[in-house]
Protein backbone atom coordinates (compact mmCIF):
# COMPACT_ATOMS: atom_id res chain seq x y z
CA PHE A 1 -3.52 5.55 24.09
CA ALA A 2 0.10 4.39 24.23
CA CYS A 3 1.19 7.57 22.45
CA ASP A 4 2.83 10.40 24.39
CA GLU A 5 -0.52 12.20 24.26
CA ALA A 6 -3.93 11.27 22.86
CA THR A 7 -7.29 12.94 22.28
CA VAL A 8 -10.52 11.39 21.02
CA TYR A 9 -12.75 13.72 19.03
CA SER A 10 -16.47 13.44 18.43
CA ASN A 11 -19.44 15.77 18.06
CA THR A 12 -20.72 14.84 21.51
CA VAL A 13 -19.20 14.19 24.93
CA ILE A 14 -18.64 10.46 25.50
CA ASP A 15 -16.96 8.82 28.49
CA LEU A 16 -14.84 6.00 27.09
CA GLY A 17 -13.99 4.43 30.41
CA GLY A 18 -11.95 7.33 31.71
CA ALA A 19 -11.08 9.05 28.43
CA VAL A 20 -13.64 11.74 27.64
CA THR A 21 -14.06 12.92 24.07
CA SER A 22 -13.26 16.44 22.94
CA VAL A 23 -16.11 18.03 21.02
CA ILE A 24 -16.02 19.39 17.48
CA ASP A 25 -19.10 21.42 16.63
CA THR A 26 -20.12 19.78 13.37
CA ASP A 27 -22.49 17.23 11.88
CA LEU A 28 -20.61 13.96 11.29
CA HIS A 29 -23.15 12.59 8.81
CA CYS A 30 -22.05 12.55 5.18
CA ARG A 31 -23.21 11.23 1.83
CA LEU A 32 -21.71 8.31 -0.09
CA GLY A 33 -20.65 8.89 -3.66
CA GLY A 34 -17.84 9.33 -6.15
CA LYS A 35 -16.18 6.73 -8.36
CA TRP A 36 -15.70 4.27 -5.52
CA TYR A 37 -18.89 5.13 -3.63
CA THR A 38 -17.01 6.18 -0.51
CA ALA A 39 -17.85 8.63 2.26
CA LEU A 40 -17.75 12.25 1.07
CA ASN A 41 -16.47 13.29 4.46
CA ALA A 42 -13.99 16.10 3.80
CA PRO A 43 -16.12 18.83 5.51
CA PRO A 44 -16.24 17.34 9.04
CA PHE A 45 -12.60 16.25 8.93
CA ARG A 46 -11.46 19.64 7.69
CA LYS A 47 -13.18 21.08 10.75
CA LEU A 48 -11.51 18.38 12.88
CA TRP A 49 -8.03 19.40 11.73
CA TYR A 50 -8.76 23.05 12.49
CA GLN A 51 -9.86 21.99 15.97
CA VAL A 52 -6.63 20.02 16.38
CA ILE A 53 -4.69 23.14 15.40
CA ALA A 54 -6.66 25.27 17.87
CA ASP A 55 -6.18 22.79 20.73
CA GLY A 56 -2.42 22.98 20.21
CA HIS A 57 -1.31 19.62 21.65
CA TRP A 58 0.58 18.92 18.42
CA ARG A 59 3.06 21.71 19.17
CA ARG A 60 4.68 19.52 21.85
CA HIS A 61 5.43 16.62 19.49
CA VAL A 62 7.40 15.93 16.32
CA TRP A 63 4.59 13.80 14.82
CA THR A 64 0.79 13.89 14.97
CA VAL A 65 -1.29 10.87 13.96
CA LYS A 66 -4.98 10.58 13.13
CA VAL A 67 -6.34 7.06 13.70
CA ASP A 68 -9.85 5.86 12.87
CA ALA A 69 -11.78 4.12 15.63
CA ASP A 70 -12.00 0.86 13.66
CA ALA A 71 -8.25 0.66 13.02
CA VAL A 72 -6.21 -1.60 15.31
CA PHE A 73 -3.12 0.52 15.96
CA MET A 74 0.18 -0.12 17.74
CA PRO A 75 2.08 3.16 18.30
CA HIS A 76 5.46 1.48 18.93
CA ARG A 77 5.40 0.02 15.42
CA LEU A 78 4.80 3.48 13.97
CA GLY A 79 7.62 4.82 16.11
CA ALA A 80 10.05 2.49 14.37
CA VAL A 81 8.88 3.90 11.01
CA VAL A 82 9.08 7.62 11.81
CA ARG A 83 12.18 7.62 13.98
CA PRO A 84 14.65 7.61 11.03
CA LEU A 85 12.63 10.38 9.36
CA SER A 86 12.22 12.72 12.32
CA HIS A 87 15.31 14.85 11.72
CA LEU A 88 14.44 15.33 8.06
CA ALA A 89 10.81 16.09 8.93
CA GLN A 90 11.89 18.93 11.22
CA ASP A 91 14.51 20.46 8.94
CA LEU A 92 12.48 20.88 5.75
CA ARG A 93 9.03 22.14 4.86
CA GLY A 94 7.33 19.36 6.78
CA MET A 95 6.49 15.78 5.90
CA PHE A 96 3.51 13.48 5.68
CA LEU A 97 3.51 9.74 5.03
CA ASN A 98 1.60 8.16 2.16
CA ASN A 99 0.30 4.83 3.43
CA CYS A 100 -1.15 3.26 0.27
CA ARG A 101 -0.09 2.83 -3.36
CA PHE A 102 -3.53 4.14 -4.39
CA GLY A 103 -3.01 7.38 -2.45
CA LEU A 104 -3.32 8.42 1.18
CA HIS A 105 -6.00 6.43 3.05
CA GLY A 106 -7.74 7.86 6.09
CA PRO A 107 -7.48 5.17 8.81
CA LEU A 108 -3.90 6.19 9.66
CA GLU A 109 -2.65 9.68 8.76
CA VAL A 110 0.83 10.70 9.89
CA LEU A 111 1.95 14.34 9.75
CA SER A 112 5.01 16.10 11.12
CA LYS A 113 4.90 19.20 13.30
CA ARG A 114 6.29 21.34 10.49
CA SER A 115 3.51 20.24 8.15
CA LEU A 116 0.89 21.33 10.70
CA GLU A 117 2.66 24.66 11.11
CA ARG A 118 2.25 25.19 7.38
CA PHE A 119 -1.38 24.10 7.59
CA GLU A 120 -2.00 26.56 10.40
CA LYS A 121 -0.46 29.41 8.40
CA ASP A 122 -1.71 28.73 4.86
CA GLY A 123 -4.38 26.04 5.13
CA PRO A 124 -7.35 28.42 5.23
CA SER A 125 -6.34 30.00 1.92
CA LYS A 126 -4.92 26.97 0.08
CA CYS A 127 -6.89 23.97 1.35
CA SER A 128 -10.49 24.56 0.34
CA LEU A 129 -13.01 21.75 0.11
CA LYS A 130 -12.76 21.99 -3.68
CA LEU A 131 -9.55 19.94 -3.53
CA ALA A 132 -11.40 16.62 -2.98
CA PRO A 133 -14.66 15.39 -1.41
CA GLN A 134 -13.07 12.53 0.61
CA GLU A 135 -11.12 13.52 3.72
CA ASP A 136 -8.01 11.50 2.96
CA ALA A 137 -7.78 12.69 -0.65
CA TRP A 138 -8.43 16.23 0.57
CA LEU A 139 -5.66 16.01 3.19
CA GLN A 140 -3.15 14.63 0.69
CA GLU A 141 -3.92 17.36 -1.84
CA CYS A 142 -3.83 19.97 0.91
CA MET A 143 -0.36 18.91 2.03
CA LEU A 144 0.91 18.97 -1.56
CA GLN A 145 -0.58 22.42 -2.12
CA LEU A 146 1.30 23.58 0.96
CA GLY A 147 4.58 22.20 -0.44
CA VAL A 148 4.89 19.52 2.25
CA MET A 149 7.11 16.54 1.41
CA GLU A 150 5.32 13.26 0.72
CA VAL A 151 7.12 10.08 1.77
CA ASP A 152 5.82 6.69 0.62
CA ARG A 153 5.67 3.99 3.30
CA PHE A 154 3.23 1.53 1.77
CA ASP A 155 4.36 -1.66 3.52
CA SER A 156 4.82 -0.47 7.08
CA LEU A 157 1.86 1.76 7.93
CA ILE A 158 -1.46 0.07 7.22
CA ALA A 159 -2.89 -3.24 6.03
CA GLU A 160 -6.43 -3.13 4.66
CA PRO A 161 -8.53 -4.44 1.78
CA ALA A 162 -8.78 -0.99 0.20
CA CYS A 163 -5.00 -1.10 -0.35
CA LYS A 164 -5.24 -4.72 -1.51
CA THR A 165 -3.05 -6.00 1.33
CA PRO A 166 -2.97 -9.82 1.19
CA ASP A 167 -4.46 -11.55 4.25
CA TRP A 168 -4.93 -8.22 6.03
CA GLU A 169 -7.54 -9.71 8.35
CA GLU A 170 -4.93 -12.11 9.80
CA CYS A 171 -3.04 -9.17 11.37
CA SER A 172 0.22 -11.05 10.84
CA GLY A 173 2.21 -8.40 9.00
CA PRO A 174 4.60 -5.76 10.34
CA GLN A 175 2.24 -2.83 9.71
CA ALA A 176 1.44 -0.32 12.43
CA ALA A 177 -2.32 -0.58 11.86
CA PHE A 178 -4.89 -3.01 10.48
CA HIS A 179 -8.28 -1.86 9.20
CA PRO A 180 -11.25 -2.22 9.36
CA PHE A 181 -12.54 -4.12 12.38
CA LYS A 182 -16.11 -3.15 13.19
CA THR A 183 -16.84 -5.30 16.25
CA ALA A 184 -15.18 -5.52 19.64
CA ASP A 185 -14.50 -9.24 19.18
CA THR A 186 -12.72 -8.90 15.82
CA TYR A 187 -10.82 -5.85 17.07
CA LYS A 188 -9.56 -7.72 20.15
CA ARG A 189 -8.64 -10.75 18.04
CA CYS A 190 -6.51 -8.62 15.74
CA LEU A 191 -4.84 -6.87 18.67
CA LYS A 192 -3.92 -10.22 20.24
CA LEU A 193 -2.50 -11.44 16.93
CA MET A 194 -0.37 -8.30 16.60
CA GLU A 195 0.91 -8.76 20.14
CA TRP A 196 1.77 -12.39 19.38
CA VAL A 197 3.67 -11.40 16.22
CA ASP A 198 5.64 -8.82 18.22
CA THR A 199 6.83 -11.57 20.56
CA HIS A 200 7.52 -13.96 17.65
CA PRO A 201 8.94 -11.63 14.97
CA SER A 202 10.09 -14.49 12.73
CA THR A 203 6.42 -15.27 12.04
CA SER A 204 5.59 -11.84 10.64
CA THR A 205 4.26 -11.88 7.10
CA SER A 206 5.94 -9.12 5.11
CA THR A 207 4.28 -7.81 1.96
CA LYS A 208 5.95 -5.71 -0.70
CA THR A 209 4.30 -3.36 -3.14
CA ALA A 210 5.78 -1.27 -5.89
CA THR A 211 6.57 2.32 -4.97
CA THR A 212 4.91 4.81 -7.27
CA SER A 213 6.05 8.33 -8.01
CA THR A 214 3.29 10.05 -8.43
CA ILE A 215 -13.28 8.10 6.94
CA SER A 216 -15.80 7.07 7.74
CA THR A 217 -16.32 6.84 11.57
CA SER A 218 -18.08 8.86 14.25
CA THR A 219 -14.89 9.37 16.23
CA ALA A 220 -11.28 9.98 15.31
CA THR A 221 -8.24 9.69 17.56
CA ILE A 222 -5.39 12.19 17.29
CA THR A 223 -2.28 10.86 19.03
CA SER A 224 -0.85 13.12 18.58
CA ALA A 225 18.32 18.20 -7.72
CA THR A 226 17.13 21.68 -8.81
CA LEU A 227 13.82 22.40 -7.24
CA VAL A 228 11.37 25.14 -8.01
CA PRO A 229 11.89 28.28 -5.87
CA THR A 230 8.77 27.58 -3.81
CA MET A 231 10.37 24.32 -2.58
CA SER A 232 13.65 25.68 -1.27
CA MET A 233 16.02 22.86 -0.34
CA SER A 234 19.73 22.18 -0.60
CA THR A 235 20.98 19.43 -2.92
CA SER A 236 22.25 17.42 0.04
CA ALA A 237 18.90 17.71 1.80
CA ALA A 238 17.07 16.64 -1.34
CA LYS A 239 19.36 13.61 -1.66
CA ALA A 240 18.74 12.75 2.00
CA GLY A 241 15.02 12.96 1.40
CA GLN A 242 15.18 10.70 -1.62
CA ASP A 243 17.31 8.19 0.28
CA ALA A 244 14.63 8.18 2.97
CA GLY A 245 11.99 7.35 0.39
CA ALA A 246 10.68 10.86 -0.12
CA HIS A 247 8.57 11.68 -3.12
CA LEU A 248 9.54 15.24 -4.08
CA VAL A 249 6.79 16.92 -6.02
CA ARG A 250 6.65 20.13 -7.98
CA TRP A 251 4.49 22.63 -6.17
CA GLU A 252 2.86 25.71 -7.62
CA ASP A 253 0.77 28.26 -5.80
CA PRO A 254 -2.80 27.56 -6.96
CA SER A 255 -3.56 31.28 -6.77
CA THR A 256 -1.11 31.93 -9.61
CA ALA A 257 -1.25 28.68 -11.55
CA LEU A 258 -4.44 29.69 -13.37
CA GLY A 259 -3.75 33.43 -13.39
């Protein structure tokens, strides 16, 4: 709740000690399955994102962030990550941050205002549930279908076992979020460790992973070169994006790709 604005979504009204949830009219239960036996939760989260669009709070901010309830999150750390990217995120077709070398993971999803504008305009026609059964994989594929720029930030966004982050449970790295912590005691312990690291930065454990080119919970918090013609961008802008760590991908309209 240290963001400029925050909303907690659930399928029922809950008073969280002064913060009351906003309701999305959907069943949050989902099956487990797939190769990794994970939650097949794209349907409720697709509805969540449409509710976020309808509520409109995102229009007042450069970045919108979805955070799972069991992720220990410090907004000021994320601010240091997105601040150098904000100008680029507003000038181009939008931007989202890839937080894991195995693909976007759901506990911390970071999207620019421009990317949500594209989702509002073309999401209903280009982001069907056929893209992927898991919400994070669905969102990543949706953004790519919309031509949004993907920027890899593996080492600064999230630490978790699913991304094979060493010693993630010690909460001693520089990441903006640590996940998962399922009890109040373990959550508070991690938060205190993150606060201690912030006051003793020399003790932070930094992890590095190779850059590749290529949820879950009952509540979610919203805190708030030559390119193909469909990805119009100047050479200087493309170079700036690459310097910022952007992964520029070829995008084709799925409605024409298969005839």
